[in-house]
């Protein structure tokens, strides 16, 4: 209860993240009111993004709530992550603790602290942004890989294809359906499932069937929204009346992924790669932290491999592969902290957990046992009581603010904007009167720049029947 109130006090602030105004809340409202709408990408290219996270939020965001619950899903992520961290921290104070316990404690502590303390991530947190669940799922998938490795020898199921290493693959598929920045998770967990044990055709068949069945809904949804199964990727774009062309999808992807064009063309007679790195390093504040985390990851590689061999625990190597594949993917596509922090901190977190377990765990367990014996409260976990009291104190302090108390029951509504009614062909829409073209909670259909050839697919049924291109 204390934890839930504390998370509510944190996550019920006003939603200000600009992407929410541009398309997050709009996508949620379209799903809430009409479901999947064919050709909605023609109305707004960004509304074509397919995310299971928006589908999860849609039933919670009825029109009469005015967007007051738009950040509830990310608040739930923080609640679960905090609870997970507390449970594993409690386990860490016992003699039965494992590397996986300390790994997830340190990972979640870093990510939760970063999400709360840094200006950008704290802004993204108070929104329905799919970046937040992907960040946390990155650590959870790595944790499950470590846990699965511990249970491989102790848990022998009748059907070998149903071993615990299928769980990371399922979680990675879920993360990929939320946002394509989780593709490294899907790639590495597929390798873990296929080659973590002895490769077999049966495992390959089961892994393929599970992956296809779980990905089909989001692929069909992408085809409905934009005509492209992996939109905004230009791959797998279908020839449909409402489809976005491959060129249009690629152009939209370049806005975020084509970071080589963010700073314009390099001057002549200079190394373009060094110039681009220097521009990124000096122009984006989080780039220094990214370089530091990547440097620590590279420096810790040798020690992690050594520990993996010494303990015959090859899950360490899978975490290493995931860290480097994910970091390389992020740096090549869009080197921003909110896209790759989950990958960047994997190896530093694993290194810290290994060192802590080997150097301090025995002493910590001994001290804890002495304290429990001397206080004669063996049935109680003092660390849990201490954490609960600390959380209660923090929540009590926050509740002294009138602003916090007033929004616990009813959070602020999403930003309201002025609009002007416009029309293209037979489509009547509302255009926001602001510089960035953010619709926020404006009446549907709202867009800033619809496709010039857009028309209603079925004028008798209106916008809920979808859109297509005028022939």
Protein backbone atom coordinates (compact mmCIF):
# COMPACT_ATOMS: atom_id res chain seq x y z
CA UNK A 1 0.00 0.00 0.00
CA UNK A 2 2.78 2.38 0.95
CA UNK A 3 4.64 1.63 -2.26
CA UNK A 4 1.56 2.13 -4.43
CA UNK A 5 0.81 5.51 -2.84
CA UNK A 6 4.42 6.56 -3.32
CA UNK A 7 4.38 5.60 -7.00
CA UNK A 8 1.06 7.40 -7.43
CA UNK A 9 2.51 10.55 -5.88
CA UNK A 10 5.36 10.36 -8.39
CA UNK A 11 3.49 9.44 -11.57
CA UNK A 12 0.30 11.53 -11.33
CA UNK A 13 2.03 14.73 -12.37
CA UNK A 14 1.04 16.65 -15.49
CA UNK A 15 2.00 14.84 -18.71
CA UNK A 16 4.30 17.14 -20.68
CA UNK A 17 6.29 14.79 -22.95
CA UNK A 18 5.90 16.22 -26.46
CA UNK A 19 5.65 12.81 -28.15
CA UNK A 20 2.49 12.20 -26.13
CA UNK A 21 0.97 15.32 -27.64
CA UNK A 22 2.17 14.44 -31.13
CA UNK A 23 0.94 10.85 -31.33
CA UNK A 24 1.01 8.76 -28.09
CA UNK A 25 -2.31 9.96 -26.73
CA UNK A 26 -3.81 10.23 -30.19
CA UNK A 27 -2.98 6.58 -30.95
CA UNK A 28 -4.46 5.52 -27.61
CA UNK A 29 -7.67 7.46 -28.28
CA UNK A 30 -8.09 6.01 -31.77
CA UNK A 31 -7.71 2.51 -30.31
CA UNK A 32 -10.06 3.29 -27.46
CA UNK A 33 -12.82 4.70 -29.68
CA UNK A 34 -12.44 2.84 -32.99
CA UNK A 35 -9.89 0.04 -32.61
CA UNK A 36 -7.54 -0.60 -35.53
CA UNK A 37 -8.26 1.90 -38.31
CA UNK A 38 -7.03 1.05 -41.84
CA UNK A 39 -4.77 3.71 -43.34
CA UNK A 40 -4.53 5.89 -40.25
CA UNK A 41 -0.88 6.53 -41.18
CA UNK A 42 -2.20 8.60 -44.10
CA UNK A 43 -3.83 10.93 -41.58
CA UNK A 44 -0.62 11.20 -39.56
CA UNK A 45 2.54 9.24 -40.26
CA UNK A 46 3.26 8.83 -36.54
CA UNK A 47 -0.18 7.41 -35.80
CA UNK A 48 0.86 4.45 -37.94
CA UNK A 49 3.25 3.19 -35.27
CA UNK A 50 2.00 -0.15 -33.94
CA UNK A 51 2.60 -0.67 -30.22
CA UNK A 52 1.03 -3.16 -27.85
CA UNK A 53 1.66 -0.58 -25.12
CA UNK A 54 -0.91 1.77 -26.64
CA UNK A 55 -3.36 -1.13 -26.95
CA UNK A 56 -2.89 -1.89 -23.25
CA UNK A 57 -3.58 1.75 -22.34
CA UNK A 58 -6.62 2.11 -24.61
CA UNK A 59 -9.25 0.52 -22.29
CA UNK A 60 -7.99 2.72 -19.44
CA UNK A 61 -8.41 5.99 -21.35
CA UNK A 62 -12.08 6.57 -21.99
CA UNK A 63 -12.95 9.98 -23.42
CA UNK A 64 -14.60 11.24 -20.23
CA UNK A 65 -11.32 10.81 -18.31
CA UNK A 66 -9.73 13.54 -20.48
CA UNK A 67 -6.37 11.80 -20.52
CA UNK A 68 -6.03 11.71 -16.73
CA UNK A 69 -5.00 8.04 -16.91
CA UNK A 70 -2.60 8.41 -19.83
CA UNK A 71 0.48 7.74 -17.67
CA UNK A 72 -1.03 4.90 -15.63
CA UNK A 73 0.73 2.14 -17.57
CA UNK A 74 4.22 3.54 -16.97
CA UNK A 75 3.28 4.13 -13.35
CA UNK A 76 2.40 0.44 -13.11
CA UNK A 77 5.82 -0.43 -14.56
CA UNK A 78 7.55 1.61 -11.85
CA UNK A 79 5.39 -0.05 -9.19
CA UNK A 80 6.23 -3.58 -10.40
CA UNK A 81 9.92 -2.74 -10.79
CA UNK A 82 10.10 -1.28 -7.27
CA UNK A 83 8.34 -4.32 -5.82
CA UNK A 84 10.66 -6.63 -7.75
CA UNK A 85 13.68 -4.73 -6.46
CA UNK A 86 12.48 -4.95 -2.83
CA UNK A 87 11.81 -8.69 -3.06
CA UNK A 88 15.22 -9.45 -4.57
CA UNK A 89 16.93 -7.12 -2.09
CA UNK A 90 15.33 -9.08 0.73
CA UNK A 91 16.59 -12.29 -0.86
CA UNK A 92 20.05 -10.76 -1.18
CA UNK A 93 20.43 -10.50 2.59
CA UNK A 94 20.20 -14.28 2.98
CA UNK A 95 22.75 -17.02 2.40
CA UNK A 96 20.65 -18.30 -0.51
CA UNK A 97 21.16 -15.18 -2.59
CA UNK A 98 22.47 -15.53 -6.13
CA UNK A 99 24.13 -13.33 -8.72
CA UNK A 100 20.74 -12.89 -10.38
CA UNK A 101 19.30 -11.31 -7.19
CA UNK A 102 21.98 -8.65 -6.94
CA UNK A 103 22.01 -8.09 -10.70
CA UNK A 104 18.34 -7.13 -10.84
CA UNK A 105 18.59 -5.09 -7.62
CA UNK A 106 21.42 -2.97 -9.04
CA UNK A 107 19.84 -2.77 -12.51
CA UNK A 108 16.47 -1.63 -11.22
CA UNK A 109 18.04 0.79 -8.75
CA UNK A 110 20.02 2.44 -11.56
CA UNK A 111 17.11 2.60 -13.99
CA UNK A 112 14.52 3.73 -11.44
CA UNK A 113 16.89 6.37 -10.09
CA UNK A 114 17.64 7.56 -13.61
CA UNK A 115 13.96 7.63 -14.51
CA UNK A 116 13.14 9.72 -11.46
CA UNK A 117 16.20 11.96 -11.12
CA UNK A 118 17.12 12.93 -14.69
CA UNK A 119 15.07 15.62 -16.41
CA UNK A 120 14.52 13.83 -19.73
CA UNK A 121 13.72 10.35 -18.40
CA UNK A 122 11.49 11.71 -15.64
CA UNK A 123 9.52 13.58 -18.30
CA UNK A 124 9.26 10.46 -20.46
CA UNK A 125 8.22 8.43 -17.41
CA UNK A 126 5.15 10.60 -16.82
CA UNK A 127 3.63 9.64 -20.16
CA UNK A 128 2.42 6.56 -22.04
CA UNK A 129 5.79 6.31 -23.84
CA UNK A 130 6.72 2.73 -24.84
CA UNK A 131 10.38 3.53 -24.14
CA UNK A 132 9.86 2.93 -20.40
CA UNK A 133 8.61 -0.70 -20.51
CA UNK A 134 11.31 -1.65 -23.03
CA UNK A 135 14.02 -0.25 -20.73
CA UNK A 136 12.80 -2.29 -17.78
CA UNK A 137 12.11 -5.42 -19.83
CA UNK A 138 15.72 -5.37 -21.02
CA UNK A 139 16.88 -5.90 -17.44
CA UNK A 140 14.13 -8.39 -16.67
CA UNK A 141 15.02 -10.50 -19.72
CA UNK A 142 18.69 -10.52 -18.68
CA UNK A 143 17.67 -11.46 -15.13
CA UNK A 144 15.52 -14.35 -16.40
CA UNK A 145 18.48 -15.60 -18.47
CA UNK A 146 20.57 -15.68 -15.28
CA UNK A 147 17.79 -17.37 -13.30
CA UNK A 148 17.19 -19.91 -16.08
CA UNK A 149 20.86 -20.81 -16.07
CA UNK A 150 20.70 -21.48 -12.33
CA UNK A 151 17.70 -23.77 -12.78
CA UNK A 152 18.91 -25.71 -15.82
CA UNK A 153 20.44 -28.55 -13.84
CA UNK A 154 17.91 -28.54 -11.02
CA UNK A 155 14.76 -28.47 -13.15
CA UNK A 156 14.45 -31.25 -15.69
CA UNK A 157 11.05 -31.23 -17.36
CA UNK A 158 9.57 -34.13 -19.28
CA UNK A 159 9.50 -32.15 -22.53
CA UNK A 160 12.92 -30.55 -23.12
CA UNK A 161 11.55 -27.81 -25.39
CA UNK A 162 9.66 -26.37 -22.43
CA UNK A 163 12.73 -25.49 -20.40
CA UNK A 164 12.85 -22.13 -18.65
CA UNK A 165 14.97 -20.59 -21.44
CA UNK A 166 11.77 -20.19 -23.50
CA UNK A 167 10.62 -17.53 -21.02
CA UNK A 168 13.22 -14.89 -22.08
CA UNK A 169 12.16 -15.40 -25.70
CA UNK A 170 8.49 -14.81 -24.83
CA UNK A 171 9.35 -11.68 -22.85
CA UNK A 172 11.51 -10.41 -25.73
CA UNK A 173 8.65 -10.93 -28.18
CA UNK A 174 6.43 -8.90 -25.89
CA UNK A 175 9.02 -6.14 -25.70
CA UNK A 176 9.39 -6.10 -29.50
CA UNK A 177 5.63 -5.75 -29.90
CA UNK A 178 5.88 -2.65 -27.70
CA UNK A 179 8.69 -0.99 -29.66
CA UNK A 180 11.19 -2.07 -32.30
CA UNK A 181 14.10 -0.86 -30.16
CA UNK A 182 13.71 -4.27 -28.46
CA UNK A 183 14.81 -6.15 -31.60
CA UNK A 184 18.22 -6.96 -30.04
CA UNK A 185 16.35 -8.68 -27.21
CA UNK A 186 14.47 -10.84 -29.71
CA UNK A 187 17.65 -11.69 -31.62
CA UNK A 188 19.73 -12.68 -28.59
CA UNK A 189 16.99 -14.58 -26.75
CA UNK A 190 16.37 -16.56 -29.94
CA UNK A 191 20.03 -17.58 -29.87
CA UNK A 192 19.76 -18.42 -26.17
CA UNK A 193 16.78 -20.68 -26.79
CA UNK A 194 18.31 -22.40 -29.80
CA UNK A 195 21.92 -22.75 -28.67
CA UNK A 196 21.84 -22.32 -24.88
CA UNK A 197 21.48 -26.07 -24.78
CA UNK A 198 22.04 -28.64 -27.47
CA UNK A 199 20.46 -27.49 -30.71
CA UNK A 200 17.58 -29.63 -31.95
CA UNK A 201 15.07 -29.37 -34.77
CA UNK A 202 12.25 -29.69 -32.23
CA UNK A 203 13.46 -26.65 -30.29
CA UNK A 204 13.79 -24.71 -33.54
CA UNK A 205 10.23 -25.65 -34.53
CA UNK A 206 8.74 -24.74 -31.14
CA UNK A 207 10.66 -21.45 -30.98
CA UNK A 208 9.55 -20.52 -34.49
CA UNK A 209 5.90 -21.36 -33.85
CA UNK A 210 5.83 -19.45 -30.55
CA UNK A 211 7.52 -16.41 -32.12
CA UNK A 212 5.23 -16.31 -35.15
CA UNK A 213 2.04 -16.77 -33.14
CA UNK A 214 2.95 -14.06 -30.63
CA UNK A 215 4.14 -11.60 -33.29
CA UNK A 216 1.22 -12.08 -35.67
CA UNK A 217 -1.18 -9.67 -33.88
CA UNK A 218 1.25 -6.75 -33.96
CA UNK A 219 2.24 -7.52 -37.58
CA UNK A 220 -1.40 -7.56 -38.67
CA UNK A 221 -1.99 -4.38 -36.73
CA UNK A 222 0.93 -2.72 -38.53
CA UNK A 223 -0.46 -3.83 -41.89
CA UNK A 224 -3.84 -2.35 -40.96
CA UNK A 225 -2.43 0.97 -39.75
CA UNK A 226 0.09 1.67 -42.46
CA UNK A 227 0.30 -1.25 -44.88
CA UNK A 228 3.83 -2.02 -43.57
CA UNK A 229 4.28 -4.96 -41.20
CA UNK A 230 7.30 -3.40 -39.42
CA UNK A 231 6.44 0.27 -39.86
CA UNK A 232 8.36 2.59 -39.94
CA UNK A 233 10.80 0.08 -41.37
CA UNK A 234 10.57 0.13 -45.21
CA UNK A 235 10.74 -3.67 -45.21
CA UNK A 236 7.61 -5.73 -45.75
CA UNK A 237 5.36 -2.94 -47.04
CA UNK A 238 2.31 -4.41 -48.80
CA UNK A 239 0.50 -3.23 -51.90
CA UNK A 240 -2.70 -2.03 -50.24
CA UNK A 241 -4.98 0.95 -51.06
CA UNK A 242 -4.03 2.63 -47.78
CA UNK A 243 -0.37 1.61 -47.66
CA UNK A 244 2.49 3.96 -46.97
CA UNK A 245 5.21 3.56 -49.59
CA UNK A 246 8.61 2.16 -48.64
CA UNK A 247 10.17 5.54 -49.43
CA UNK A 248 7.76 7.35 -47.08
CA UNK A 249 8.39 4.83 -44.29
CA UNK A 250 12.14 5.19 -44.72
CA UNK A 251 11.91 8.99 -44.66
CA UNK A 252 10.01 8.90 -41.37
CA UNK A 253 12.50 6.45 -39.88
CA UNK A 254 15.36 8.75 -40.80
CA UNK A 255 13.92 11.43 -38.49
CA UNK A 256 14.94 9.37 -35.44
CA UNK A 257 17.16 6.60 -36.76
CA UNK A 258 19.18 8.45 -39.37
CA UNK A 259 21.31 10.28 -36.85
CA UNK A 260 24.00 10.79 -39.45
CA UNK A 261 21.85 13.58 -40.87
CA UNK A 262 20.99 15.25 -37.54
CA UNK A 263 23.84 17.73 -37.73
CA UNK A 264 23.91 18.42 -41.45
CA UNK A 265 26.73 17.59 -43.89
CA UNK A 266 30.31 17.57 -42.55
CA UNK A 267 32.78 20.21 -43.71
CA UNK A 268 35.08 19.30 -46.55
CA UNK A 269 38.58 17.91 -45.84
CA UNK A 270 37.61 16.42 -42.46
CA UNK A 271 37.00 12.83 -41.39
CA UNK A 272 33.21 12.55 -41.57
CA UNK A 273 32.98 9.83 -38.90
CA UNK A 274 35.09 11.74 -36.37
CA UNK A 275 33.23 14.95 -37.14
CA UNK A 276 29.88 13.24 -36.66
CA UNK A 277 30.98 11.69 -33.34
CA UNK A 278 32.27 15.02 -32.10
CA UNK A 279 29.03 16.79 -33.02
CA UNK A 280 26.99 14.14 -31.21
CA UNK A 281 29.30 14.17 -28.21
CA UNK A 282 29.08 17.94 -27.79
CA UNK A 283 25.47 18.54 -28.81
CA UNK A 284 23.64 15.91 -26.71
CA UNK A 285 24.19 16.02 -22.97
CA UNK A 286 23.57 12.30 -22.39
CA UNK A 287 26.27 11.33 -24.91
CA UNK A 288 28.99 11.66 -22.24
CA UNK A 289 27.21 9.15 -20.02
CA UNK A 290 26.70 6.79 -22.95
CA UNK A 291 30.42 6.89 -23.77
CA UNK A 292 31.27 6.25 -20.11
CA UNK A 293 28.92 3.26 -19.84
CA UNK A 294 30.16 1.76 -23.13
CA UNK A 295 33.75 2.25 -21.93
CA UNK A 296 33.02 0.45 -18.65
CA UNK A 297 31.32 -2.35 -20.58
CA UNK A 298 34.34 -2.84 -22.83
CA UNK A 299 36.74 -2.74 -19.87
CA UNK A 300 34.71 -5.33 -17.93
CA UNK A 301 34.43 -7.82 -20.79
CA UNK A 302 37.57 -9.77 -19.94
CA UNK A 303 36.66 -10.17 -16.26
CA UNK A 304 33.10 -11.27 -17.07
CA UNK A 305 34.37 -13.92 -19.51
CA UNK A 306 36.89 -15.11 -16.91
CA UNK A 307 34.17 -15.45 -14.26
CA UNK A 308 31.93 -17.23 -16.76
CA UNK A 309 34.60 -19.85 -17.40
CA UNK A 310 35.55 -20.20 -13.74
CA UNK A 311 31.95 -20.75 -12.60
CA UNK A 312 30.87 -22.62 -15.74
CA UNK A 313 28.00 -20.14 -15.99
CA UNK A 314 27.63 -19.25 -19.64
CA UNK A 315 24.63 -17.02 -18.98
CA UNK A 316 27.23 -14.30 -18.25
CA UNK A 317 28.33 -14.55 -21.89
CA UNK A 318 24.74 -14.24 -23.10
CA UNK A 319 24.36 -11.04 -21.06
CA UNK A 320 27.61 -9.80 -22.59
CA UNK A 321 26.34 -10.54 -26.10
CA UNK A 322 23.02 -8.84 -25.35
CA UNK A 323 24.81 -5.76 -24.00
CA UNK A 324 27.00 -5.34 -27.06
CA UNK A 325 24.35 -6.20 -29.65
CA UNK A 326 21.86 -3.84 -28.00
CA UNK A 327 24.43 -1.05 -27.59
CA UNK A 328 25.64 -1.38 -31.17
CA UNK A 329 22.05 -1.36 -32.45
CA UNK A 330 21.21 1.76 -30.45
CA UNK A 331 24.38 3.61 -31.43
CA UNK A 332 23.85 2.82 -35.10
CA UNK A 333 20.15 3.71 -35.18
CA UNK A 334 19.59 6.51 -32.65
CA UNK A 335 22.26 7.04 -29.95
CA UNK A 336 19.96 8.47 -27.28
CA UNK A 337 19.90 7.41 -23.64
CA UNK A 338 16.15 6.77 -23.53
CA UNK A 339 16.47 4.22 -26.33
CA UNK A 340 19.48 2.31 -25.03
CA UNK A 341 20.01 2.81 -21.32
CA UNK A 342 18.81 -0.74 -20.65
CA UNK A 343 21.55 -2.13 -22.90
CA UNK A 344 24.25 0.30 -21.78
CA UNK A 345 24.02 -0.61 -18.08
CA UNK A 346 23.84 -4.41 -18.46
CA UNK A 347 27.56 -5.16 -18.20
CA UNK A 348 28.38 -2.56 -15.51
CA UNK A 349 25.48 -3.99 -13.49
CA UNK A 350 26.58 -7.60 -14.00
CA UNK A 351 30.17 -6.70 -13.05
CA UNK A 352 28.96 -4.98 -9.87
CA UNK A 353 26.79 -7.98 -8.96
CA UNK A 354 29.66 -10.44 -9.47
CA UNK A 355 32.06 -8.37 -7.37
CA UNK A 356 29.48 -7.81 -4.65
CA UNK A 357 28.55 -11.49 -4.49
CA UNK A 358 32.17 -12.65 -4.31
CA UNK A 359 33.58 -9.97 -2.02
CA UNK A 360 30.82 -8.80 0.30
CA UNK A 361 27.98 -11.33 0.28
CA UNK A 362 29.41 -13.66 2.95
CA UNK A 363 30.17 -10.79 5.32
CA UNK A 364 26.76 -9.24 4.71
CA UNK A 365 24.91 -12.50 5.43
CA UNK A 366 26.98 -13.02 8.60
CA UNK A 367 26.22 -9.53 9.90
CA UNK A 368 22.53 -9.94 9.10
CA UNK A 369 22.35 -13.29 10.94
CA UNK A 370 24.01 -11.82 14.02
CA UNK A 371 21.60 -8.90 14.09
CA UNK A 372 18.61 -11.18 13.71
CA UNK A 373 19.86 -13.48 16.49
CA UNK A 374 20.61 -10.64 18.90
CA UNK A 375 17.22 -9.00 18.32
CA UNK A 376 15.41 -12.37 18.54
CA UNK A 377 13.25 -11.63 15.54
CA UNK A 378 14.20 -14.50 13.30
CA UNK A 379 10.69 -14.69 11.91
CA UNK A 380 10.82 -11.12 10.75
CA UNK A 381 12.97 -9.65 8.01
CA UNK A 382 14.33 -6.42 9.44
CA UNK A 383 15.45 -5.22 6.07
CA UNK A 384 11.86 -5.42 4.77
CA UNK A 385 10.62 -3.53 7.80
CA UNK A 386 13.28 -0.87 7.36
CA UNK A 387 12.46 -0.43 3.68
CA UNK A 388 8.74 -0.17 4.46
CA UNK A 389 9.36 2.47 7.12
CA UNK A 390 11.64 4.41 4.78
CA UNK A 391 9.01 4.34 2.03
CA UNK A 392 6.34 5.39 4.50
CA UNK A 393 8.47 8.35 5.58
CA UNK A 394 9.09 9.42 1.98
CA UNK A 395 5.41 9.11 1.08
CA UNK A 396 4.38 10.96 4.23
CA UNK A 397 6.76 13.77 3.39
CA UNK A 398 5.40 14.03 -0.17
CA UNK A 399 1.82 14.12 1.07
CA UNK A 400 2.53 17.28 3.02
CA UNK A 401 2.37 19.08 -0.32
CA UNK A 402 -1.10 20.27 -1.28
CA UNK A 403 -0.29 19.72 -4.96
CA UNK A 404 0.47 16.03 -4.39
CA UNK A 405 -2.64 15.40 -2.29
CA UNK A 406 -4.91 17.07 -4.83
CA UNK A 407 -3.83 14.85 -7.73
CA UNK A 408 -3.71 11.44 -6.03
CA UNK A 409 -7.43 10.91 -6.58
CA UNK A 410 -7.75 12.76 -9.88
CA UNK A 411 -4.56 13.44 -11.88
CA UNK A 412 -4.38 16.49 -14.19
CA UNK A 413 -6.00 16.11 -17.58
CA UNK A 414 -3.97 16.09 -20.78
CA UNK A 415 -3.11 19.48 -22.30
CA UNK A 416 -5.96 21.14 -24.18
CA UNK A 417 -5.16 22.92 -27.45
CA UNK A 418 -6.97 25.18 -29.87
CA UNK A 419 -7.75 23.72 -33.28
CA UNK A 420 -9.05 24.91 -36.61
CA UNK A 421 -11.31 22.79 -38.80
CA UNK A 422 -9.93 21.93 -42.24
CA UNK A 423 -10.73 19.58 -45.10
CA UNK A 424 -8.83 17.58 -47.72
CA UNK A 425 -10.95 15.80 -50.32
CA UNK A 426 -13.80 14.26 -48.30
CA UNK A 427 -11.86 14.14 -44.99
CA UNK A 428 -12.72 16.79 -42.42
CA UNK A 429 -10.12 17.09 -39.69
CA UNK A 430 -8.91 19.40 -36.92
CA UNK A 431 -5.49 21.04 -37.12
CA UNK A 432 -3.80 22.17 -33.87
CA UNK A 433 -2.86 25.83 -33.58
CA UNK A 434 0.61 25.36 -32.10
CA UNK A 435 4.10 25.43 -33.50
CA UNK A 436 4.89 21.73 -33.02
CA UNK A 437 1.59 20.44 -34.37
CA UNK A 438 0.74 18.54 -31.18
CA UNK A 439 -2.92 17.50 -30.95
CA UNK A 440 -2.91 16.33 -27.31
CA UNK A 441 -6.61 15.91 -26.35
CA UNK A 442 -8.13 17.60 -29.41
CA UNK A 443 -11.21 16.07 -31.01
CA UNK A 444 -10.61 13.27 -33.50
CA UNK A 445 -9.57 13.24 -36.26
CA UNK A 446 -6.74 15.62 -35.43
CA UNK A 447 -3.58 16.01 -37.49
CA UNK A 448 -1.09 18.60 -38.58
CA UNK A 449 -0.04 17.31 -41.99
CA UNK A 450 -2.29 14.64 -43.56
CA UNK A 451 -1.42 13.00 -46.85
CA UNK A 452 -2.60 15.22 -49.70
CA UNK A 453 -4.27 12.27 -51.45
CA UNK A 454 -6.14 10.99 -48.38
CA UNK A 455 -9.82 10.13 -48.63
CA UNK A 456 -12.37 8.13 -46.65
CA UNK A 457 -12.48 4.41 -47.50
CA UNK A 458 -16.21 4.33 -46.86
CA UNK A 459 -17.81 7.79 -46.54
CA UNK A 460 -21.03 6.29 -45.18
CA UNK A 461 -19.22 4.91 -42.12
CA UNK A 462 -16.94 7.89 -41.59
CA UNK A 463 -13.43 7.84 -40.14
CA UNK A 464 -13.91 4.58 -38.24
CA UNK A 465 -13.91 2.75 -41.59
CA UNK A 466 -10.43 4.09 -42.28
CA UNK A 467 -8.67 5.97 -45.05
CA UNK A 468 -7.12 5.27 -48.44
CA UNK A 469 -5.32 7.17 -51.17
CA UNK A 470 -7.32 8.99 -53.80
CA UNK A 471 -6.77 7.36 -57.20
